[in-house]
Amino acid sequence: MIEIDGELANVECQLTELLEARGMTLSRLSELVGVTIVNLSILKNNKAKAIRFSTLQAICAALECEVGELLVIRKPAE
């Protein structure tokens, strides 16, 4: 969690939504970016603690999206 304006928030990955919108599977994305399905799944399920810039760039290029479409900041539901 991070703190924004005195409130806690999470960085969340929108990989599921982006894959669905593009009709792409996690397996195909794995082939395109050279990252294992396991590591992409960890990212997709918001379990990742970090991501390399090169991986982030490769995912965004493969999905034709911006970083802000892939990673968003959300306050936890109350």
PDB file of N, CA and C in Angstrom:
ATOM      1  N   MET A   1       0.835  -1.182   0.000  1.00  0.00           N
ATOM      2  CA  MET A   1       0.000   0.000   0.000  1.00  0.00           C
ATOM      3  C   MET A   1       0.881   1.247   0.000  1.00  0.00           C
ATOM      4  N   ILE A   2       0.347   2.278  -0.592  1.00  0.00           N
ATOM      5  CA  ILE A   2       1.017   3.572  -0.603  1.00  0.00           C
ATOM      6  C   ILE A   2       0.066   4.590   0.010  1.00  0.00           C
ATOM      7  N   GLU A   3       0.617   5.710   0.407  1.00  0.00           N
ATOM      8  CA  GLU A   3      -0.217   6.752   0.989  1.00  0.00           C
ATOM      9  C   GLU A   3      -0.318   7.922   0.025  1.00  0.00           C
ATOM     10  N   ILE A   4      -1.557   8.333  -0.250  1.00  0.00           N
ATOM     11  CA  ILE A   4      -1.816   9.472  -1.121  1.00  0.00           C
ATOM     12  C   ILE A   4      -2.776  10.405  -0.398  1.00  0.00           C
ATOM     13  N   ASP A   5      -2.359  11.634  -0.214  1.00  0.00           N
ATOM     14  CA  ASP A   5      -3.182  12.621   0.482  1.00  0.00           C
ATOM     15  C   ASP A   5      -3.661  12.105   1.827  1.00  0.00           C
ATOM     16  N   GLY A   6      -2.780  11.415   2.542  1.00  0.00           N
ATOM     17  CA  GLY A   6      -3.109  10.929   3.867  1.00  0.00           C
ATOM     18  C   GLY A   6      -3.961   9.677   3.903  1.00  0.00           C
ATOM     19  N   GLU A   7      -4.285   9.112   2.729  1.00  0.00           N
ATOM     20  CA  GLU A   7      -5.092   7.896   2.675  1.00  0.00           C
ATOM     21  C   GLU A   7      -4.308   6.774   2.007  1.00  0.00           C
ATOM     22  N   LEU A   8      -4.536   5.560   2.469  1.00  0.00           N
ATOM     23  CA  LEU A   8      -3.860   4.406   1.898  1.00  0.00           C
ATOM     24  C   LEU A   8      -4.492   4.026   0.564  1.00  0.00           C
ATOM     25  N   ALA A   9      -3.644   3.599  -0.359  1.00  0.00           N
ATOM     26  CA  ALA A   9      -4.119   3.193  -1.685  1.00  0.00           C
ATOM     27  C   ALA A   9      -3.255   2.043  -2.188  1.00  0.00           C
ATOM     28  N   ASN A  10      -3.773   1.298  -3.146  1.00  0.00           N
ATOM     29  CA  ASN A  10      -3.064   0.173  -3.760  1.00  0.00           C
ATOM     30  C   ASN A  10      -2.767   0.464  -5.222  1.00  0.00           C
ATOM     31  N   VAL A  11      -1.636  -0.030  -5.695  1.00  0.00           N
ATOM     32  CA  VAL A  11      -1.366  -0.034  -7.126  1.00  0.00           C
ATOM     33  C   VAL A  11      -1.932  -1.355  -7.628  1.00  0.00           C
ATOM     34  N   GLU A  12      -2.864  -1.285  -8.573  1.00  0.00           N
ATOM     35  CA  GLU A  12      -3.507  -2.483  -9.090  1.00  0.00           C
ATOM     36  C   GLU A  12      -3.226  -2.644 -10.576  1.00  0.00           C
ATOM     37  N   CYS A  13      -3.082  -3.888 -10.982  1.00  0.00           N
ATOM     38  CA  CYS A  13      -2.811  -4.227 -12.376  1.00  0.00           C
ATOM     39  C   CYS A  13      -4.120  -4.546 -13.091  1.00  0.00           C
ATOM     40  N   GLN A  14      -4.292  -3.984 -14.264  1.00  0.00           N
ATOM     41  CA  GLN A  14      -5.494  -4.167 -15.072  1.00  0.00           C
ATOM     42  C   GLN A  14      -5.254  -5.147 -16.218  1.00  0.00           C
ATOM     43  N   LEU A  15      -4.345  -6.095 -16.013  1.00  0.00           N
ATOM     44  CA  LEU A  15      -3.962  -7.015 -17.079  1.00  0.00           C
ATOM     45  C   LEU A  15      -5.139  -7.865 -17.555  1.00  0.00           C
ATOM     46  N   THR A  16      -5.964  -8.328 -16.650  1.00  0.00           N
ATOM     47  CA  THR A  16      -7.122  -9.146 -17.031  1.00  0.00           C
ATOM     48  C   THR A  16      -8.020  -8.389 -17.997  1.00  0.00           C
ATOM     49  N   GLU A  17      -8.335  -7.151 -17.650  1.00  0.00           N
ATOM     50  CA  GLU A  17      -9.214  -6.336 -18.474  1.00  0.00           C
ATOM     51  C   GLU A  17      -8.600  -6.028 -19.835  1.00  0.00           C
ATOM     52  N   LEU A  18      -7.319  -5.728 -19.860  1.00  0.00           N
ATOM     53  CA  LEU A  18      -6.642  -5.416 -21.119  1.00  0.00           C
ATOM     54  C   LEU A  18      -6.566  -6.643 -22.029  1.00  0.00           C
ATOM     55  N   LEU A  19      -6.277  -7.793 -21.456  1.00  0.00           N
ATOM     56  CA  LEU A  19      -6.236  -9.026 -22.252  1.00  0.00           C
ATOM     57  C   LEU A  19      -7.604  -9.326 -22.852  1.00  0.00           C
ATOM     58  N   GLU A  20      -8.650  -9.209 -22.032  1.00  0.00           N
ATOM     59  CA  GLU A  20     -10.008  -9.465 -22.522  1.00  0.00           C
ATOM     60  C   GLU A  20     -10.381  -8.502 -23.640  1.00  0.00           C
ATOM     61  N   ALA A  21     -10.059  -7.230 -23.453  1.00  0.00           N
ATOM     62  CA  ALA A  21     -10.410  -6.215 -24.449  1.00  0.00           C
ATOM     63  C   ALA A  21      -9.710  -6.464 -25.779  1.00  0.00           C
ATOM     64  N   ARG A  22      -8.554  -7.114 -25.732  1.00  0.00           N
ATOM     65  CA  ARG A  22      -7.788  -7.345 -26.957  1.00  0.00           C
ATOM     66  C   ARG A  22      -7.936  -8.771 -27.481  1.00  0.00           C
ATOM     67  N   GLY A  23      -8.723  -9.581 -26.785  1.00  0.00           N
ATOM     68  CA  GLY A  23      -8.901 -10.964 -27.205  1.00  0.00           C
ATOM     69  C   GLY A  23      -7.614 -11.759 -27.166  1.00  0.00           C
ATOM     70  N   MET A  24      -6.769 -11.471 -26.188  1.00  0.00           N
ATOM     71  CA  MET A  24      -5.460 -12.113 -26.085  1.00  0.00           C
ATOM     72  C   MET A  24      -5.410 -12.983 -24.831  1.00  0.00           C
ATOM     73  N   THR A  25      -4.705 -14.098 -24.934  1.00  0.00           N
ATOM     74  CA  THR A  25      -4.528 -14.970 -23.775  1.00  0.00           C
ATOM     75  C   THR A  25      -3.235 -14.627 -23.043  1.00  0.00           C
ATOM     76  N   LEU A  26      -3.159 -15.082 -21.806  1.00  0.00           N
ATOM     77  CA  LEU A  26      -1.938 -14.899 -21.034  1.00  0.00           C
ATOM     78  C   LEU A  26      -0.788 -15.653 -21.688  1.00  0.00           C
ATOM     79  N   SER A  27      -1.098 -16.802 -22.285  1.00  0.00           N
ATOM     80  CA  SER A  27      -0.067 -17.597 -22.981  1.00  0.00           C
ATOM     81  C   SER A  27       0.522 -16.819 -24.152  1.00  0.00           C
ATOM     82  N   ARG A  28      -0.341 -16.173 -24.923  1.00  0.00           N
ATOM     83  CA  ARG A  28       0.131 -15.399 -26.077  1.00  0.00           C
ATOM     84  C   ARG A  28       0.950 -14.205 -25.615  1.00  0.00           C
ATOM     85  N   LEU A  29       0.501 -13.528 -24.567  1.00  0.00           N
ATOM     86  CA  LEU A  29       1.266 -12.392 -24.041  1.00  0.00           C
ATOM     87  C   LEU A  29       2.630 -12.863 -23.567  1.00  0.00           C
ATOM     88  N   SER A  30       2.673 -14.012 -22.927  1.00  0.00           N
ATOM     89  CA  SER A  30       3.939 -14.585 -22.458  1.00  0.00           C
ATOM     90  C   SER A  30       4.904 -14.789 -23.621  1.00  0.00           C
ATOM     91  N   GLU A  31       4.399 -15.312 -24.727  1.00  0.00           N
ATOM     92  CA  GLU A  31       5.229 -15.509 -25.920  1.00  0.00           C
ATOM     93  C   GLU A  31       5.749 -14.183 -26.466  1.00  0.00           C
ATOM     94  N   LEU A  32       4.879 -13.181 -26.497  1.00  0.00           N
ATOM     95  CA  LEU A  32       5.252 -11.885 -27.067  1.00  0.00           C
ATOM     96  C   LEU A  32       6.282 -11.131 -26.237  1.00  0.00           C
ATOM     97  N   VAL A  33       6.183 -11.234 -24.923  1.00  0.00           N
ATOM     98  CA  VAL A  33       7.056 -10.416 -24.063  1.00  0.00           C
ATOM     99  C   VAL A  33       8.222 -11.186 -23.465  1.00  0.00           C
ATOM    100  N   GLY A  34       8.208 -12.516 -23.583  1.00  0.00           N
ATOM    101  CA  GLY A  34       9.321 -13.302 -23.043  1.00  0.00           C
ATOM    102  C   GLY A  34       9.330 -13.376 -21.532  1.00  0.00           C
ATOM    103  N   VAL A  35       8.144 -13.383 -20.936  1.00  0.00           N
ATOM    104  CA  VAL A  35       7.999 -13.513 -19.485  1.00  0.00           C
ATOM    105  C   VAL A  35       7.150 -14.751 -19.243  1.00  0.00           C
ATOM    106  N   THR A  36       7.501 -15.519 -18.229  1.00  0.00           N
ATOM    107  CA  THR A  36       6.760 -16.754 -17.979  1.00  0.00           C
ATOM    108  C   THR A  36       5.305 -16.475 -17.628  1.00  0.00           C
ATOM    109  N   ILE A  37       4.463 -17.463 -17.919  1.00  0.00           N
ATOM    110  CA  ILE A  37       3.047 -17.353 -17.574  1.00  0.00           C
ATOM    111  C   ILE A  37       2.898 -17.189 -16.060  1.00  0.00           C
ATOM    112  N   VAL A  38       3.721 -17.881 -15.302  1.00  0.00           N
ATOM    113  CA  VAL A  38       3.659 -17.781 -13.836  1.00  0.00           C
ATOM    114  C   VAL A  38       3.901 -16.340 -13.388  1.00  0.00           C
ATOM    115  N   ASN A  39       4.927 -15.695 -13.934  1.00  0.00           N
ATOM    116  CA  ASN A  39       5.223 -14.323 -13.536  1.00  0.00           C
ATOM    117  C   ASN A  39       4.131 -13.347 -13.997  1.00  0.00           C
ATOM    118  N   LEU A  40       3.584 -13.569 -15.183  1.00  0.00           N
ATOM    119  CA  LEU A  40       2.482 -12.723 -15.644  1.00  0.00           C
ATOM    120  C   LEU A  40       1.245 -12.930 -14.778  1.00  0.00           C
ATOM    121  N   SER A  41       1.023 -14.158 -14.353  1.00  0.00           N
ATOM    122  CA  SER A  41      -0.116 -14.462 -13.487  1.00  0.00           C
ATOM    123  C   SER A  41       0.025 -13.768 -12.137  1.00  0.00           C
ATOM    124  N   ILE A  42       1.218 -13.737 -11.603  1.00  0.00           N
ATOM    125  CA  ILE A  42       1.475 -13.032 -10.342  1.00  0.00           C
ATOM    126  C   ILE A  42       1.147 -11.552 -10.511  1.00  0.00           C
ATOM    127  N   LEU A  43       1.553 -10.981 -11.620  1.00  0.00           N
ATOM    128  CA  LEU A  43       1.247  -9.578 -11.906  1.00  0.00           C
ATOM    129  C   LEU A  43      -0.258  -9.381 -12.075  1.00  0.00           C
ATOM    130  N   LYS A  44      -0.876 -10.240 -12.856  1.00  0.00           N
ATOM    131  CA  LYS A  44      -2.311 -10.156 -13.152  1.00  0.00           C
ATOM    132  C   LYS A  44      -3.158 -10.243 -11.890  1.00  0.00           C
ATOM    133  N   ASN A  45      -2.721 -11.054 -10.928  1.00  0.00           N
ATOM    134  CA  ASN A  45      -3.474 -11.252  -9.691  1.00  0.00           C
ATOM    135  C   ASN A  45      -3.071 -10.290  -8.573  1.00  0.00           C
ATOM    136  N   ASN A  46      -2.332  -9.251  -8.939  1.00  0.00           N
ATOM    137  CA  ASN A  46      -1.923  -8.206  -7.986  1.00  0.00           C
ATOM    138  C   ASN A  46      -1.109  -8.749  -6.822  1.00  0.00           C
ATOM    139  N   LYS A  47      -0.280  -9.742  -7.096  1.00  0.00           N
ATOM    140  CA  LYS A  47       0.591 -10.315  -6.067  1.00  0.00           C
ATOM    141  C   LYS A  47       2.044  -9.874  -6.242  1.00  0.00           C
ATOM    142  N   ALA A  48       2.336  -9.178  -7.338  1.00  0.00           N
ATOM    143  CA  ALA A  48       3.711  -8.738  -7.609  1.00  0.00           C
ATOM    144  C   ALA A  48       4.103  -7.605  -6.678  1.00  0.00           C
ATOM    145  N   LYS A  49       5.342  -7.638  -6.237  1.00  0.00           N
ATOM    146  CA  LYS A  49       5.865  -6.571  -5.385  1.00  0.00           C
ATOM    147  C   LYS A  49       6.668  -5.558  -6.189  1.00  0.00           C
ATOM    148  N   ALA A  50       7.057  -5.952  -7.400  1.00  0.00           N
ATOM    149  CA  ALA A  50       7.855  -5.073  -8.258  1.00  0.00           C
ATOM    150  C   ALA A  50       7.714  -5.545  -9.702  1.00  0.00           C
ATOM    151  N   ILE A  51       8.086  -4.658 -10.629  1.00  0.00           N
ATOM    152  CA  ILE A  51       8.104  -5.017 -12.045  1.00  0.00           C
ATOM    153  C   ILE A  51       9.263  -4.265 -12.697  1.00  0.00           C
ATOM    154  N   ARG A  52      10.012  -4.940 -13.531  1.00  0.00           N
ATOM    155  CA  ARG A  52      11.122  -4.305 -14.233  1.00  0.00           C
ATOM    156  C   ARG A  52      10.565  -3.375 -15.310  1.00  0.00           C
ATOM    157  N   PHE A  53      11.248  -2.270 -15.526  1.00  0.00           N
ATOM    158  CA  PHE A  53      10.821  -1.335 -16.563  1.00  0.00           C
ATOM    159  C   PHE A  53      10.802  -2.020 -17.929  1.00  0.00           C
ATOM    160  N   SER A  54      11.758  -2.885 -18.185  1.00  0.00           N
ATOM    161  CA  SER A  54      11.792  -3.573 -19.484  1.00  0.00           C
ATOM    162  C   SER A  54      10.568  -4.469 -19.654  1.00  0.00           C
ATOM    163  N   THR A  55      10.138  -5.113 -18.585  1.00  0.00           N
ATOM    164  CA  THR A  55       8.935  -5.946 -18.637  1.00  0.00           C
ATOM    165  C   THR A  55       7.708  -5.079 -18.836  1.00  0.00           C
ATOM    166  N   LEU A  56       7.646  -3.989 -18.125  1.00  0.00           N
ATOM    167  CA  LEU A  56       6.527  -3.056 -18.246  1.00  0.00           C
ATOM    168  C   LEU A  56       6.420  -2.517 -19.671  1.00  0.00           C
ATOM    169  N   GLN A  57       7.555  -2.138 -20.244  1.00  0.00           N
ATOM    170  CA  GLN A  57       7.582  -1.634 -21.618  1.00  0.00           C
ATOM    171  C   GLN A  57       7.134  -2.709 -22.602  1.00  0.00           C
ATOM    172  N   ALA A  58       7.596  -3.939 -22.407  1.00  0.00           N
ATOM    173  CA  ALA A  58       7.249  -5.027 -23.320  1.00  0.00           C
ATOM    174  C   ALA A  58       5.754  -5.348 -23.250  1.00  0.00           C
ATOM    175  N   ILE A  59       5.187  -5.369 -22.049  1.00  0.00           N
ATOM    176  CA  ILE A  59       3.759  -5.638 -21.895  1.00  0.00           C
ATOM    177  C   ILE A  59       2.944  -4.530 -22.552  1.00  0.00           C
ATOM    178  N   CYS A  60       3.314  -3.286 -22.292  1.00  0.00           N
ATOM    179  CA  CYS A  60       2.584  -2.163 -22.884  1.00  0.00           C
ATOM    180  C   CYS A  60       2.688  -2.165 -24.408  1.00  0.00           C
ATOM    181  N   ALA A  61       3.839  -2.525 -24.935  1.00  0.00           N
ATOM    182  CA  ALA A  61       4.000  -2.586 -26.387  1.00  0.00           C
ATOM    183  C   ALA A  61       3.121  -3.700 -26.973  1.00  0.00           C
ATOM    184  N   ALA A  62       3.122  -4.863 -26.343  1.00  0.00           N
ATOM    185  CA  ALA A  62       2.335  -5.990 -26.838  1.00  0.00           C
ATOM    186  C   ALA A  62       0.835  -5.716 -26.762  1.00  0.00           C
ATOM    187  N   LEU A  63       0.416  -4.998 -25.729  1.00  0.00           N
ATOM    188  CA  LEU A  63      -1.006  -4.709 -25.550  1.00  0.00           C
ATOM    189  C   LEU A  63      -1.409  -3.364 -26.158  1.00  0.00           C
ATOM    190  N   GLU A  64      -0.424  -2.666 -26.716  1.00  0.00           N
ATOM    191  CA  GLU A  64      -0.656  -1.342 -27.296  1.00  0.00           C
ATOM    192  C   GLU A  64      -1.411  -0.444 -26.315  1.00  0.00           C
ATOM    193  N   CYS A  65      -0.816  -0.304 -25.130  1.00  0.00           N
ATOM    194  CA  CYS A  65      -1.430   0.517 -24.090  1.00  0.00           C
ATOM    195  C   CYS A  65      -0.368   1.371 -23.414  1.00  0.00           C
ATOM    196  N   GLU A  66      -0.822   2.284 -22.599  1.00  0.00           N
ATOM    197  CA  GLU A  66       0.056   3.123 -21.795  1.00  0.00           C
ATOM    198  C   GLU A  66       0.186   2.504 -20.404  1.00  0.00           C
ATOM    199  N   VAL A  67       1.237   2.863 -19.706  1.00  0.00           N
ATOM    200  CA  VAL A  67       1.465   2.342 -18.357  1.00  0.00           C
ATOM    201  C   VAL A  67       0.261   2.625 -17.456  1.00  0.00           C
ATOM    202  N   GLY A  68      -0.332   3.817 -17.579  1.00  0.00           N
ATOM    203  CA  GLY A  68      -1.470   4.191 -16.768  1.00  0.00           C
ATOM    204  C   GLY A  68      -2.732   3.397 -17.049  1.00  0.00           C
ATOM    205  N   GLU A  69      -2.760   2.704 -18.174  1.00  0.00           N
ATOM    206  CA  GLU A  69      -3.883   1.808 -18.454  1.00  0.00           C
ATOM    207  C   GLU A  69      -3.654   0.444 -17.813  1.00  0.00           C
ATOM    208  N   LEU A  70      -2.397   0.075 -17.660  1.00  0.00           N
ATOM    209  CA  LEU A  70      -2.036  -1.213 -17.083  1.00  0.00           C
ATOM    210  C   LEU A  70      -2.016  -1.154 -15.554  1.00  0.00           C
ATOM    211  N   LEU A  71      -1.429  -0.110 -15.012  1.00  0.00           N
ATOM    212  CA  LEU A  71      -1.326   0.045 -13.561  1.00  0.00           C
ATOM    213  C   LEU A  71      -2.111   1.269 -13.112  1.00  0.00           C
ATOM    214  N   VAL A  72      -2.996   1.060 -12.149  1.00  0.00           N
ATOM    215  CA  VAL A  72      -3.818   2.155 -11.635  1.00  0.00           C
ATOM    216  C   VAL A  72      -3.703   2.189 -10.110  1.00  0.00           C
ATOM    217  N   ILE A  73      -3.967   3.359  -9.543  1.00  0.00           N
ATOM    218  CA  ILE A  73      -3.949   3.503  -8.094  1.00  0.00           C
ATOM    219  C   ILE A  73      -5.383   3.565  -7.619  1.00  0.00           C
ATOM    220  N   ARG A  74      -5.707   2.706  -6.651  1.00  0.00           N
ATOM    221  CA  ARG A  74      -7.065   2.637  -6.121  1.00  0.00           C
ATOM    222  C   ARG A  74      -7.040   2.646  -4.613  1.00  0.00           C
ATOM    223  N   LYS A  75      -7.975   3.369  -4.036  1.00  0.00           N
ATOM    224  CA  LYS A  75      -8.166   3.309  -2.592  1.00  0.00           C
ATOM    225  C   LYS A  75      -8.968   2.047  -2.288  1.00  0.00           C
ATOM    226  N   PRO A  76      -8.625   1.358  -1.188  1.00  0.00           N
ATOM    227  CA  PRO A  76      -9.360   0.138  -0.846  1.00  0.00           C
ATOM    228  C   PRO A  76     -10.841   0.439  -0.601  1.00  0.00           C
ATOM    229  N   ALA A  77     -11.681  -0.516  -0.964  1.00  0.00           N
ATOM    230  CA  ALA A  77     -13.120  -0.361  -0.713  1.00  0.00           C
ATOM    231  C   ALA A  77     -13.364  -0.339   0.794  1.00  0.00           C
ATOM    232  N   GLU A  78     -14.276   0.488   1.178  1.00  0.00           N
ATOM    233  CA  GLU A  78     -14.552   0.601   2.611  1.00  0.00           C
ATOM    234  C   GLU A  78     -15.659  -0.314   3.031  1.00  0.00           C
TER     235      GLU A  78
END
